[in-house]
Every structure is written in C-alpha cells, then in structure tokens.
Amino acid sequence: MLESSLGASTPASLAPVVRVAAVALAVAATATAAQFTVVLPFTAVPFTLTPLVVILAGAVLGSRLGAASQVAYLAAGVAGLQVFAPSLVLPPGAGRLLGPTGGYLLAYPMAAFAAGYLAERGWDRSIVRASVALLAGLAVIYMGGFAWLSRFVPTFGAALAQGIAPFIVADLAKVAIAALLLPRAARFLRQ
C-alpha cells in the first residue's frame, strides 16, 4: 500500500528515505506493542499487542515493506535489543526464537507479507475485506506459533489450550478494530 502510493506523489530522491522511515516506525511500533504484555500462568505464550501491529504493518506498508519491518524487528531482538515481550521464563535475544514462542515470532514477516499482499490487491478498502486480509495475517501467526509450540508441549490439545484458545477472542477484537481503521488509512495513503 505505502509501496504503491510512494510512486506518484513522492519525489524519487525522497522515496527511499520515506520507505526506510516507515519500516523503522513499524519496527518501533512492534517493539512497543511487545512491551504491553500479560503473562498467563498456564502457558509460556504471553498476551501482547504485537500481532495487531504486525498485521497492520503489512496492510499499511505493503507486502515487501511490511515483511521487511518484521525481519528488522527480529534482527533487533536477535542482536540483543529489548524488543521482545518481557519475560522471566523465556530466553532473551536469539534464544527467544528457539523457545516455545519462537514460531509466533518467526511467522511475523510472513504474516505481514500476507496482510500486505491482500491490501495491495484492494482488500484494504472496505471493513469486511480488510477483516479478511488481517485475519489471513493472524492465521499465519497462529499456524507458525502452534506448529512450533507443539514441539514443547505433550499433546495437540495442550498446544491448542496454551497457544491458541486463550488468545482468539482478544485477537479477533484487535482485528475488528484494525479493520475499522484500515480503509481510512488506505484512503489517506492513496491521497
């Protein structure tokens, strides 16, 4: 979305600067969202606002820049910056990607890409279609997280109970809020 809107209205010399700034802003927003964490006593997976920012970054920035922002976010965490959700039980830095929540984190670039890909094809222009684009990104996060978490818990049911079930209602509410905002953001960026 941002990728396609930069061409017509931004001078060629300024476009790369705007892209870098947009990616940096998305990294900062993702890192900030990760700090709003609620630890659930029955799972290693914390509740955060990060999935909302990840799918919005993809939908607003477009598939390539959205994915790039999440790759940069992961790189910052691997480098040791305190961008991941605070935790007393999860490993810091690169170890976080190998721990029980690593699948969610590693799915972020793909989720941003999926939401951005649909947004680039007009799925950001109405609330219903924006909901589908954002849900597609959320589904990618859930699939990556569930697949990885399944390696750390004894059963399929335990992975569902610890990695998906506690988060569905809140994540659907986040998607609904984002879907209300996305068509307006799309119109603003196209102008």
N, C-alpha and C. Protein backbone atom coordinates (compact mmCIF):
# COMPACT_ATOMS: atom_id res chain seq x y z
N MET A 1 0.82 -1.17 0.00
CA MET A 1 0.00 0.00 0.00
C MET A 1 0.87 1.25 0.00
N LEU A 2 1.73 1.41 1.00
CA LEU A 2 2.65 2.54 1.01
C LEU A 2 3.59 2.43 -0.19
N GLU A 3 3.99 1.18 -0.50
CA GLU A 3 4.90 0.98 -1.63
C GLU A 3 4.31 1.54 -2.91
N SER A 4 3.04 1.25 -3.16
CA SER A 4 2.43 1.70 -4.41
C SER A 4 2.08 3.17 -4.37
N SER A 5 1.79 3.73 -3.19
CA SER A 5 1.41 5.13 -3.12
C SER A 5 2.62 6.07 -3.19
N LEU A 6 3.82 5.56 -2.96
CA LEU A 6 5.01 6.41 -3.00
C LEU A 6 5.36 6.86 -4.41
N GLY A 7 5.06 6.04 -5.38
CA GLY A 7 5.48 6.33 -6.75
C GLY A 7 4.98 7.64 -7.30
N ALA A 8 3.71 7.93 -7.17
CA ALA A 8 3.13 9.07 -7.84
C ALA A 8 3.37 10.39 -7.10
N SER A 9 3.31 10.39 -5.79
CA SER A 9 3.31 11.65 -5.06
C SER A 9 4.64 12.03 -4.42
N THR A 10 5.58 11.13 -4.37
CA THR A 10 6.84 11.40 -3.69
C THR A 10 7.96 11.55 -4.70
N PRO A 11 8.76 12.61 -4.58
CA PRO A 11 9.92 12.73 -5.49
C PRO A 11 10.82 11.51 -5.36
N ALA A 12 11.41 11.10 -6.46
CA ALA A 12 12.21 9.87 -6.49
C ALA A 12 13.33 9.90 -5.45
N SER A 13 13.93 11.05 -5.22
CA SER A 13 15.04 11.12 -4.25
C SER A 13 14.56 10.94 -2.82
N LEU A 14 13.30 11.23 -2.55
CA LEU A 14 12.77 11.12 -1.20
C LEU A 14 12.14 9.76 -0.91
N ALA A 15 11.74 9.04 -1.93
CA ALA A 15 11.04 7.77 -1.75
C ALA A 15 11.82 6.77 -0.89
N PRO A 16 13.12 6.55 -1.12
CA PRO A 16 13.85 5.59 -0.26
C PRO A 16 13.88 6.02 1.21
N VAL A 17 13.99 7.31 1.45
CA VAL A 17 14.01 7.82 2.83
C VAL A 17 12.67 7.55 3.50
N VAL A 18 11.59 7.77 2.78
CA VAL A 18 10.26 7.53 3.32
C VAL A 18 10.07 6.03 3.61
N ARG A 19 10.54 5.18 2.73
CA ARG A 19 10.43 3.74 2.94
C ARG A 19 11.21 3.30 4.19
N VAL A 20 12.43 3.77 4.32
CA VAL A 20 13.25 3.41 5.49
C VAL A 20 12.60 3.93 6.76
N ALA A 21 12.10 5.14 6.73
CA ALA A 21 11.43 5.71 7.91
C ALA A 21 10.18 4.93 8.26
N ALA A 22 9.43 4.51 7.26
CA ALA A 22 8.20 3.73 7.51
C ALA A 22 8.53 2.38 8.12
N VAL A 23 9.57 1.73 7.61
CA VAL A 23 9.99 0.45 8.18
C VAL A 23 10.48 0.64 9.61
N ALA A 24 11.27 1.67 9.84
CA ALA A 24 11.77 1.94 11.20
C ALA A 24 10.62 2.22 12.16
N LEU A 25 9.63 2.96 11.71
CA LEU A 25 8.45 3.24 12.54
C LEU A 25 7.70 1.95 12.87
N ALA A 26 7.58 1.07 11.89
CA ALA A 26 6.89 -0.21 12.13
C ALA A 26 7.67 -1.08 13.11
N VAL A 27 9.00 -1.06 13.02
CA VAL A 27 9.83 -1.80 13.98
C VAL A 27 9.61 -1.25 15.38
N ALA A 28 9.64 0.07 15.51
CA ALA A 28 9.44 0.70 16.81
C ALA A 28 8.04 0.40 17.36
N ALA A 29 7.04 0.43 16.49
CA ALA A 29 5.67 0.13 16.94
C ALA A 29 5.55 -1.32 17.38
N THR A 30 6.18 -2.23 16.66
CA THR A 30 6.15 -3.65 17.03
C THR A 30 6.83 -3.85 18.38
N ALA A 31 7.98 -3.24 18.56
CA ALA A 31 8.72 -3.37 19.82
C ALA A 31 7.93 -2.77 20.98
N THR A 32 7.28 -1.65 20.74
CA THR A 32 6.46 -1.02 21.78
C THR A 32 5.27 -1.90 22.14
N ALA A 33 4.62 -2.45 21.13
CA ALA A 33 3.46 -3.32 21.37
C ALA A 33 3.85 -4.55 22.18
N ALA A 34 5.06 -5.04 21.97
CA ALA A 34 5.53 -6.22 22.71
C ALA A 34 5.68 -5.94 24.20
N GLN A 35 5.86 -4.68 24.55
CA GLN A 35 6.06 -4.34 25.96
C GLN A 35 4.75 -4.36 26.75
N PHE A 36 3.62 -4.30 26.06
CA PHE A 36 2.32 -4.40 26.72
C PHE A 36 1.98 -5.88 26.80
N THR A 37 2.43 -6.50 27.85
CA THR A 37 2.39 -7.95 27.99
C THR A 37 1.58 -8.35 29.22
N VAL A 38 0.76 -9.38 29.02
CA VAL A 38 0.06 -10.01 30.15
C VAL A 38 0.52 -11.46 30.18
N VAL A 39 1.13 -11.84 31.28
CA VAL A 39 1.60 -13.22 31.44
C VAL A 39 0.43 -14.07 31.91
N LEU A 40 0.23 -15.18 31.23
CA LEU A 40 -0.82 -16.13 31.61
C LEU A 40 -0.14 -17.28 32.35
N PRO A 41 -0.65 -17.66 33.53
CA PRO A 41 0.06 -18.63 34.36
C PRO A 41 0.14 -20.05 33.79
N PHE A 42 -0.70 -20.39 32.85
CA PHE A 42 -0.77 -21.76 32.35
C PHE A 42 -0.06 -21.96 31.01
N THR A 43 0.63 -20.91 30.52
CA THR A 43 1.29 -21.03 29.23
C THR A 43 2.53 -20.14 29.18
N ALA A 44 3.49 -20.53 28.36
CA ALA A 44 4.69 -19.71 28.16
C ALA A 44 4.42 -18.58 27.17
N VAL A 45 3.28 -18.64 26.50
CA VAL A 45 2.93 -17.64 25.49
C VAL A 45 2.24 -16.46 26.18
N PRO A 46 2.85 -15.28 26.14
CA PRO A 46 2.20 -14.13 26.77
C PRO A 46 1.19 -13.48 25.83
N PHE A 47 0.27 -12.76 26.41
CA PHE A 47 -0.66 -11.96 25.61
C PHE A 47 0.01 -10.62 25.35
N THR A 48 0.13 -10.24 24.08
CA THR A 48 0.72 -8.95 23.71
C THR A 48 -0.12 -8.29 22.63
N LEU A 49 0.18 -7.05 22.35
CA LEU A 49 -0.46 -6.33 21.25
C LEU A 49 0.29 -6.49 19.94
N THR A 50 1.37 -7.24 19.97
CA THR A 50 2.24 -7.36 18.81
C THR A 50 1.55 -7.90 17.55
N PRO A 51 0.72 -8.95 17.62
CA PRO A 51 0.10 -9.42 16.38
C PRO A 51 -0.71 -8.33 15.66
N LEU A 52 -1.35 -7.45 16.42
CA LEU A 52 -2.10 -6.35 15.82
C LEU A 52 -1.17 -5.45 15.01
N VAL A 53 -0.03 -5.09 15.57
CA VAL A 53 0.91 -4.21 14.87
C VAL A 53 1.51 -4.91 13.66
N VAL A 54 1.80 -6.19 13.80
CA VAL A 54 2.40 -6.95 12.69
C VAL A 54 1.49 -6.94 11.47
N ILE A 55 0.22 -7.27 11.68
CA ILE A 55 -0.69 -7.35 10.52
C ILE A 55 -1.03 -5.96 9.98
N LEU A 56 -1.10 -4.98 10.86
CA LEU A 56 -1.32 -3.61 10.38
C LEU A 56 -0.12 -3.10 9.60
N ALA A 57 1.08 -3.42 10.07
CA ALA A 57 2.29 -3.01 9.34
C ALA A 57 2.26 -3.56 7.92
N GLY A 58 1.90 -4.82 7.79
CA GLY A 58 1.82 -5.40 6.46
C GLY A 58 0.76 -4.73 5.62
N ALA A 59 -0.42 -4.54 6.19
CA ALA A 59 -1.52 -3.96 5.42
C ALA A 59 -1.25 -2.52 5.03
N VAL A 60 -0.59 -1.76 5.87
CA VAL A 60 -0.33 -0.35 5.59
C VAL A 60 0.92 -0.16 4.73
N LEU A 61 1.96 -0.90 5.02
CA LEU A 61 3.22 -0.73 4.28
C LEU A 61 3.26 -1.51 2.98
N GLY A 62 2.47 -2.55 2.87
CA GLY A 62 2.54 -3.43 1.71
C GLY A 62 3.31 -4.68 2.05
N SER A 63 3.25 -5.64 1.17
CA SER A 63 3.82 -6.96 1.46
C SER A 63 5.33 -6.91 1.71
N ARG A 64 6.08 -6.28 0.82
CA ARG A 64 7.54 -6.29 0.95
C ARG A 64 8.04 -5.45 2.12
N LEU A 65 7.55 -4.23 2.24
CA LEU A 65 8.00 -3.38 3.34
C LEU A 65 7.47 -3.89 4.68
N GLY A 66 6.25 -4.41 4.69
CA GLY A 66 5.71 -4.98 5.92
C GLY A 66 6.56 -6.15 6.40
N ALA A 67 6.88 -7.05 5.48
CA ALA A 67 7.74 -8.20 5.84
C ALA A 67 9.12 -7.72 6.26
N ALA A 68 9.66 -6.73 5.55
CA ALA A 68 10.99 -6.20 5.89
C ALA A 68 10.99 -5.61 7.29
N SER A 69 9.90 -4.94 7.67
CA SER A 69 9.84 -4.36 9.01
C SER A 69 9.90 -5.44 10.08
N GLN A 70 9.28 -6.57 9.82
CA GLN A 70 9.27 -7.64 10.82
C GLN A 70 10.59 -8.42 10.83
N VAL A 71 11.24 -8.52 9.69
CA VAL A 71 12.58 -9.11 9.67
C VAL A 71 13.53 -8.21 10.47
N ALA A 72 13.40 -6.90 10.30
CA ALA A 72 14.24 -5.96 11.05
C ALA A 72 13.94 -6.04 12.55
N TYR A 73 12.68 -6.22 12.90
CA TYR A 73 12.29 -6.38 14.31
C TYR A 73 12.96 -7.63 14.90
N LEU A 74 12.89 -8.74 14.18
CA LEU A 74 13.52 -9.97 14.66
C LEU A 74 15.03 -9.80 14.77
N ALA A 75 15.63 -9.13 13.79
CA ALA A 75 17.08 -8.90 13.83
C ALA A 75 17.46 -8.06 15.04
N ALA A 76 16.65 -7.08 15.38
CA ALA A 76 16.92 -6.26 16.56
C ALA A 76 16.87 -7.12 17.82
N GLY A 77 15.89 -8.02 17.90
CA GLY A 77 15.79 -8.91 19.05
C GLY A 77 16.94 -9.89 19.13
N VAL A 78 17.33 -10.45 17.99
CA VAL A 78 18.45 -11.38 17.95
C VAL A 78 19.74 -10.67 18.36
N ALA A 79 19.86 -9.40 17.99
CA ALA A 79 21.05 -8.62 18.34
C ALA A 79 21.11 -8.27 19.83
N GLY A 80 20.03 -8.58 20.54
CA GLY A 80 20.05 -8.35 21.99
C GLY A 80 19.29 -7.12 22.45
N LEU A 81 18.72 -6.36 21.52
CA LEU A 81 17.90 -5.22 21.94
C LEU A 81 16.64 -5.74 22.63
N GLN A 82 16.15 -5.01 23.59
CA GLN A 82 14.99 -5.45 24.38
C GLN A 82 13.68 -5.14 23.65
N VAL A 83 13.48 -5.78 22.50
CA VAL A 83 12.28 -5.52 21.70
C VAL A 83 11.21 -6.60 21.87
N PHE A 84 11.61 -7.78 22.34
CA PHE A 84 10.64 -8.85 22.54
C PHE A 84 9.88 -8.62 23.84
N ALA A 85 8.77 -9.32 23.99
CA ALA A 85 7.96 -9.21 25.20
C ALA A 85 8.81 -9.53 26.43
N PRO A 86 8.72 -8.71 27.46
CA PRO A 86 9.49 -9.02 28.67
C PRO A 86 9.03 -10.34 29.29
N SER A 87 9.99 -11.13 29.75
CA SER A 87 9.64 -12.43 30.31
C SER A 87 10.72 -12.89 31.28
N LEU A 88 10.28 -13.50 32.36
CA LEU A 88 11.21 -14.10 33.31
C LEU A 88 11.54 -15.54 32.95
N VAL A 89 10.70 -16.16 32.10
CA VAL A 89 10.90 -17.57 31.78
C VAL A 89 11.39 -17.82 30.36
N LEU A 90 11.14 -16.89 29.44
CA LEU A 90 11.57 -17.09 28.06
C LEU A 90 13.00 -16.58 27.88
N PRO A 91 13.78 -17.25 27.05
CA PRO A 91 15.18 -16.82 26.86
C PRO A 91 15.26 -15.47 26.16
N PRO A 92 16.30 -14.70 26.43
CA PRO A 92 16.47 -13.41 25.76
C PRO A 92 17.15 -13.57 24.40
N GLY A 93 17.15 -12.52 23.62
CA GLY A 93 17.89 -12.46 22.36
C GLY A 93 17.52 -13.58 21.40
N ALA A 94 18.53 -14.11 20.73
CA ALA A 94 18.31 -15.15 19.71
C ALA A 94 17.66 -16.39 20.30
N GLY A 95 17.90 -16.64 21.58
CA GLY A 95 17.29 -17.79 22.23
C GLY A 95 15.77 -17.75 22.22
N ARG A 96 15.21 -16.56 22.12
CA ARG A 96 13.74 -16.44 22.10
C ARG A 96 13.17 -17.12 20.86
N LEU A 97 13.90 -17.08 19.77
CA LEU A 97 13.42 -17.70 18.53
C LEU A 97 13.45 -19.22 18.62
N LEU A 98 14.24 -19.75 19.53
CA LEU A 98 14.33 -21.20 19.70
C LEU A 98 13.43 -21.72 20.81
N GLY A 99 12.87 -20.80 21.60
CA GLY A 99 12.00 -21.18 22.70
C GLY A 99 10.57 -21.43 22.25
N PRO A 100 9.66 -21.64 23.18
CA PRO A 100 8.28 -22.01 22.84
C PRO A 100 7.51 -20.96 22.05
N THR A 101 7.91 -19.69 22.12
CA THR A 101 7.21 -18.65 21.36
C THR A 101 7.90 -18.32 20.04
N GLY A 102 8.96 -19.02 19.72
CA GLY A 102 9.72 -18.74 18.50
C GLY A 102 8.90 -18.84 17.23
N GLY A 103 7.96 -19.76 17.18
CA GLY A 103 7.14 -19.92 15.98
C GLY A 103 6.27 -18.71 15.69
N TYR A 104 5.76 -18.10 16.75
CA TYR A 104 4.96 -16.88 16.56
C TYR A 104 5.85 -15.79 15.99
N LEU A 105 7.01 -15.60 16.61
CA LEU A 105 7.92 -14.54 16.17
C LEU A 105 8.39 -14.76 14.73
N LEU A 106 8.76 -15.98 14.41
CA LEU A 106 9.25 -16.27 13.06
C LEU A 106 8.15 -16.15 12.00
N ALA A 107 6.90 -16.22 12.42
CA ALA A 107 5.78 -16.07 11.49
C ALA A 107 5.48 -14.60 11.19
N TYR A 108 6.00 -13.68 11.99
CA TYR A 108 5.67 -12.27 11.79
C TYR A 108 5.96 -11.75 10.38
N PRO A 109 7.14 -11.99 9.81
CA PRO A 109 7.35 -11.49 8.45
C PRO A 109 6.36 -12.07 7.44
N MET A 110 6.06 -13.35 7.56
CA MET A 110 5.10 -13.97 6.62
C MET A 110 3.69 -13.43 6.83
N ALA A 111 3.33 -13.16 8.09
CA ALA A 111 2.00 -12.61 8.38
C ALA A 111 1.87 -11.20 7.82
N ALA A 112 2.90 -10.39 8.00
CA ALA A 112 2.88 -9.04 7.44
C ALA A 112 2.81 -9.10 5.92
N PHE A 113 3.56 -10.02 5.34
CA PHE A 113 3.52 -10.18 3.88
C PHE A 113 2.11 -10.56 3.41
N ALA A 114 1.48 -11.51 4.08
CA ALA A 114 0.14 -11.96 3.68
C ALA A 114 -0.87 -10.82 3.76
N ALA A 115 -0.89 -10.10 4.87
CA ALA A 115 -1.83 -8.98 5.01
C ALA A 115 -1.52 -7.90 3.97
N GLY A 116 -0.25 -7.63 3.74
CA GLY A 116 0.14 -6.62 2.77
C GLY A 116 -0.19 -7.02 1.35
N TYR A 117 0.00 -8.29 1.05
CA TYR A 117 -0.31 -8.80 -0.30
C TYR A 117 -1.79 -8.59 -0.62
N LEU A 118 -2.64 -8.90 0.33
CA LEU A 118 -4.08 -8.71 0.11
C LEU A 118 -4.43 -7.23 0.05
N ALA A 119 -3.82 -6.43 0.91
CA ALA A 119 -4.09 -4.99 0.90
C ALA A 119 -3.69 -4.37 -0.44
N GLU A 120 -2.58 -4.81 -1.00
CA GLU A 120 -2.13 -4.29 -2.29
C GLU A 120 -3.12 -4.62 -3.41
N ARG A 121 -3.94 -5.60 -3.20
CA ARG A 121 -4.92 -6.00 -4.21
C ARG A 121 -6.32 -5.49 -3.88
N GLY A 122 -6.39 -4.46 -3.05
CA GLY A 122 -7.66 -3.80 -2.77
C GLY A 122 -8.42 -4.34 -1.58
N TRP A 123 -7.84 -5.25 -0.83
CA TRP A 123 -8.53 -5.83 0.32
C TRP A 123 -8.46 -4.92 1.55
N ASP A 124 -8.02 -3.70 1.37
CA ASP A 124 -7.95 -2.75 2.47
C ASP A 124 -9.00 -1.64 2.32
N ARG A 125 -9.89 -1.77 1.38
CA ARG A 125 -10.78 -0.66 1.05
C ARG A 125 -12.16 -0.73 1.68
N SER A 126 -12.50 -1.85 2.26
CA SER A 126 -13.77 -1.94 2.99
C SER A 126 -13.51 -2.69 4.29
N ILE A 127 -14.38 -2.51 5.23
CA ILE A 127 -14.20 -3.14 6.55
C ILE A 127 -14.21 -4.66 6.44
N VAL A 128 -15.13 -5.19 5.65
CA VAL A 128 -15.23 -6.65 5.53
C VAL A 128 -13.99 -7.23 4.86
N ARG A 129 -13.57 -6.64 3.76
CA ARG A 129 -12.39 -7.15 3.06
C ARG A 129 -11.12 -6.93 3.86
N ALA A 130 -11.04 -5.80 4.57
CA ALA A 130 -9.89 -5.55 5.44
C ALA A 130 -9.83 -6.60 6.54
N SER A 131 -10.99 -6.98 7.05
CA SER A 131 -11.04 -8.03 8.08
C SER A 131 -10.45 -9.33 7.55
N VAL A 132 -10.78 -9.67 6.32
CA VAL A 132 -10.25 -10.90 5.73
C VAL A 132 -8.73 -10.82 5.57
N ALA A 133 -8.23 -9.69 5.09
CA ALA A 133 -6.79 -9.52 4.92
C ALA A 133 -6.07 -9.63 6.25
N LEU A 134 -6.61 -9.00 7.27
CA LEU A 134 -5.98 -9.02 8.59
C LEU A 134 -6.09 -10.40 9.22
N LEU A 135 -7.23 -11.06 9.04
CA LEU A 135 -7.39 -12.43 9.56
C LEU A 135 -6.41 -13.39 8.89
N ALA A 136 -6.14 -13.16 7.62
CA ALA A 136 -5.16 -14.01 6.92
C ALA A 136 -3.79 -13.88 7.59
N GLY A 137 -3.40 -12.65 7.90
CA GLY A 137 -2.14 -12.45 8.60
C GLY A 137 -2.14 -13.07 9.98
N LEU A 138 -3.23 -12.91 10.71
CA LEU A 138 -3.34 -13.51 12.04
C LEU A 138 -3.28 -15.03 11.97
N ALA A 139 -3.91 -15.61 10.95
CA ALA A 139 -3.87 -17.07 10.78
C ALA A 139 -2.45 -17.56 10.57
N VAL A 140 -1.65 -16.80 9.84
CA VAL A 140 -0.25 -17.18 9.63
C VAL A 140 0.50 -17.19 10.97
N ILE A 141 0.25 -16.18 11.79
CA ILE A 141 0.89 -16.13 13.11
C ILE A 141 0.47 -17.33 13.96
N TYR A 142 -0.82 -17.63 13.96
CA TYR A 142 -1.32 -18.76 14.74
C TYR A 142 -0.72 -20.08 14.25
N MET A 143 -0.67 -20.26 12.93
CA MET A 143 -0.12 -21.52 12.40
C MET A 143 1.35 -21.69 12.76
N GLY A 144 2.13 -20.61 12.60
CA GLY A 144 3.54 -20.69 12.95
C GLY A 144 3.75 -20.94 14.44
N GLY A 145 2.99 -20.23 15.24
CA GLY A 145 3.11 -20.39 16.69
C GLY A 145 2.67 -21.75 17.17
N PHE A 146 1.56 -22.22 16.65
CA PHE A 146 1.03 -23.52 17.05
C PHE A 146 1.98 -24.64 16.64
N ALA A 147 2.47 -24.58 15.41
CA ALA A 147 3.38 -25.63 14.92
C ALA A 147 4.63 -25.71 15.79
N TRP A 148 5.19 -24.57 16.15
CA TRP A 148 6.41 -24.55 16.95
C TRP A 148 6.13 -24.94 18.39
N LEU A 149 5.06 -24.39 18.97
CA LEU A 149 4.71 -24.68 20.36
C LEU A 149 4.42 -26.17 20.55
N SER A 150 3.91 -26.82 19.54
CA SER A 150 3.61 -28.26 19.61
C SER A 150 4.84 -29.09 19.95
N ARG A 151 6.01 -28.57 19.66
CA ARG A 151 7.26 -29.28 19.98
C ARG A 151 7.58 -29.20 21.48
N PHE A 152 6.96 -28.27 22.19
CA PHE A 152 7.31 -28.02 23.59
C PHE A 152 6.27 -28.53 24.58
N VAL A 153 5.11 -28.94 24.08
CA VAL A 153 4.05 -29.42 24.97
C VAL A 153 3.73 -30.87 24.61
N PRO A 154 3.13 -31.62 25.54
CA PRO A 154 2.98 -33.06 25.32
C PRO A 154 1.94 -33.48 24.28
N THR A 155 0.88 -32.68 24.09
CA THR A 155 -0.19 -33.13 23.19
C THR A 155 -0.66 -31.99 22.28
N PHE A 156 -1.36 -32.38 21.25
CA PHE A 156 -2.00 -31.44 20.33
C PHE A 156 -2.99 -30.56 21.09
N GLY A 157 -3.76 -31.18 21.97
CA GLY A 157 -4.74 -30.43 22.77
C GLY A 157 -4.08 -29.41 23.67
N ALA A 158 -2.94 -29.77 24.24
CA ALA A 158 -2.21 -28.84 25.10
C ALA A 158 -1.71 -27.65 24.30
N ALA A 159 -1.27 -27.88 23.07
CA ALA A 159 -0.81 -26.79 22.22
C ALA A 159 -1.97 -25.85 21.89
N LEU A 160 -3.13 -26.41 21.62
CA LEU A 160 -4.32 -25.57 21.37
C LEU A 160 -4.70 -24.78 22.62
N ALA A 161 -4.70 -25.45 23.77
CA ALA A 161 -5.12 -24.82 25.02
C ALA A 161 -4.14 -23.74 25.47
N GLN A 162 -2.86 -23.90 25.15
CA GLN A 162 -1.87 -22.94 25.61
C GLN A 162 -1.50 -21.89 24.56
N GLY A 163 -1.65 -22.23 23.30
CA GLY A 163 -1.15 -21.34 22.26
C GLY A 163 -2.17 -20.66 21.39
N ILE A 164 -3.43 -21.12 21.44
CA ILE A 164 -4.44 -20.53 20.56
C ILE A 164 -5.69 -20.10 21.34
N ALA A 165 -6.28 -21.04 22.05
CA ALA A 165 -7.57 -20.78 22.70
C ALA A 165 -7.60 -19.53 23.58
N PRO A 166 -6.59 -19.28 24.40
CA PRO A 166 -6.68 -18.11 25.28
C PRO A 166 -6.63 -16.76 24.54
N PHE A 167 -6.23 -16.79 23.29
CA PHE A 167 -5.96 -15.54 22.58
C PHE A 167 -7.00 -15.19 21.51
N ILE A 168 -7.85 -16.14 21.14
CA ILE A 168 -8.74 -15.95 20.00
C ILE A 168 -9.67 -14.75 20.16
N VAL A 169 -10.36 -14.66 21.26
CA VAL A 169 -11.34 -13.58 21.43
C VAL A 169 -10.66 -12.21 21.38
N ALA A 170 -9.58 -12.06 22.12
CA ALA A 170 -8.86 -10.78 22.13
C ALA A 170 -8.28 -10.45 20.75
N ASP A 171 -7.72 -11.46 20.07
CA ASP A 171 -7.15 -11.20 18.75
C ASP A 171 -8.22 -10.87 17.72
N LEU A 172 -9.38 -11.48 17.82
CA LEU A 172 -10.47 -11.12 16.92
C LEU A 172 -10.95 -9.69 17.18
N ALA A 173 -10.95 -9.28 18.44
CA ALA A 173 -11.30 -7.89 18.76
C ALA A 173 -10.26 -6.93 18.17
N LYS A 174 -8.99 -7.30 18.26
CA LYS A 174 -7.92 -6.47 17.67
C LYS A 174 -8.09 -6.36 16.16
N VAL A 175 -8.44 -7.47 15.52
CA VAL A 175 -8.65 -7.45 14.07
C VAL A 175 -9.84 -6.56 13.72
N ALA A 176 -10.90 -6.62 14.51
CA ALA A 176 -12.08 -5.79 14.25
C ALA A 176 -11.72 -4.31 14.34
N ILE A 177 -10.96 -3.94 15.35
CA ILE A 177 -10.55 -2.54 15.50
C ILE A 177 -9.67 -2.12 14.32
N ALA A 178 -8.72 -2.97 13.98
CA ALA A 178 -7.83 -2.66 12.87
C ALA A 178 -8.59 -2.57 11.55
N ALA A 179 -9.58 -3.43 11.36
CA ALA A 179 -10.37 -3.41 10.12
C ALA A 179 -11.19 -2.13 10.00
N LEU A 180 -11.59 -1.58 11.13
CA LEU A 180 -12.31 -0.30 11.10
C LEU A 180 -11.38 0.84 10.69
N LEU A 181 -10.12 0.76 11.08
CA LEU A 181 -9.15 1.82 10.79
C LEU A 181 -8.50 1.70 9.42
N LEU A 182 -8.34 0.48 8.94
CA LEU A 182 -7.56 0.25 7.72
C LEU A 182 -8.13 0.94 6.47
N PRO A 183 -9.43 0.88 6.19
CA PRO A 183 -9.91 1.58 4.99
C PRO A 183 -9.63 3.08 5.02
N ARG A 184 -9.71 3.68 6.20
CA ARG A 184 -9.41 5.11 6.31
C ARG A 184 -7.91 5.36 6.05
N ALA A 185 -7.09 4.51 6.61
CA ALA A 185 -5.65 4.65 6.40
C ALA A 185 -5.31 4.47 4.92
N ALA A 186 -5.97 3.53 4.28
CA ALA A 186 -5.73 3.28 2.85
C ALA A 186 -6.08 4.51 2.02
N ARG A 187 -7.23 5.11 2.32
CA ARG A 187 -7.63 6.31 1.60
C ARG A 187 -6.63 7.45 1.83
N PHE A 188 -6.20 7.61 3.07
CA PHE A 188 -5.24 8.66 3.41
C PHE A 188 -3.92 8.47 2.65
N LEU A 189 -3.42 7.26 2.61
CA LEU A 189 -2.14 7.00 1.93
C LEU A 189 -2.25 7.13 0.43
N ARG A 190 -3.42 6.84 -0.13
CA ARG A 190 -3.58 6.99 -1.57
C ARG A 190 -3.63 8.47 -1.99
N GLN A 191 -3.99 9.36 -1.04
CA GLN A 191 -4.06 10.79 -1.37
C GLN A 191 -2.73 11.37 -1.34
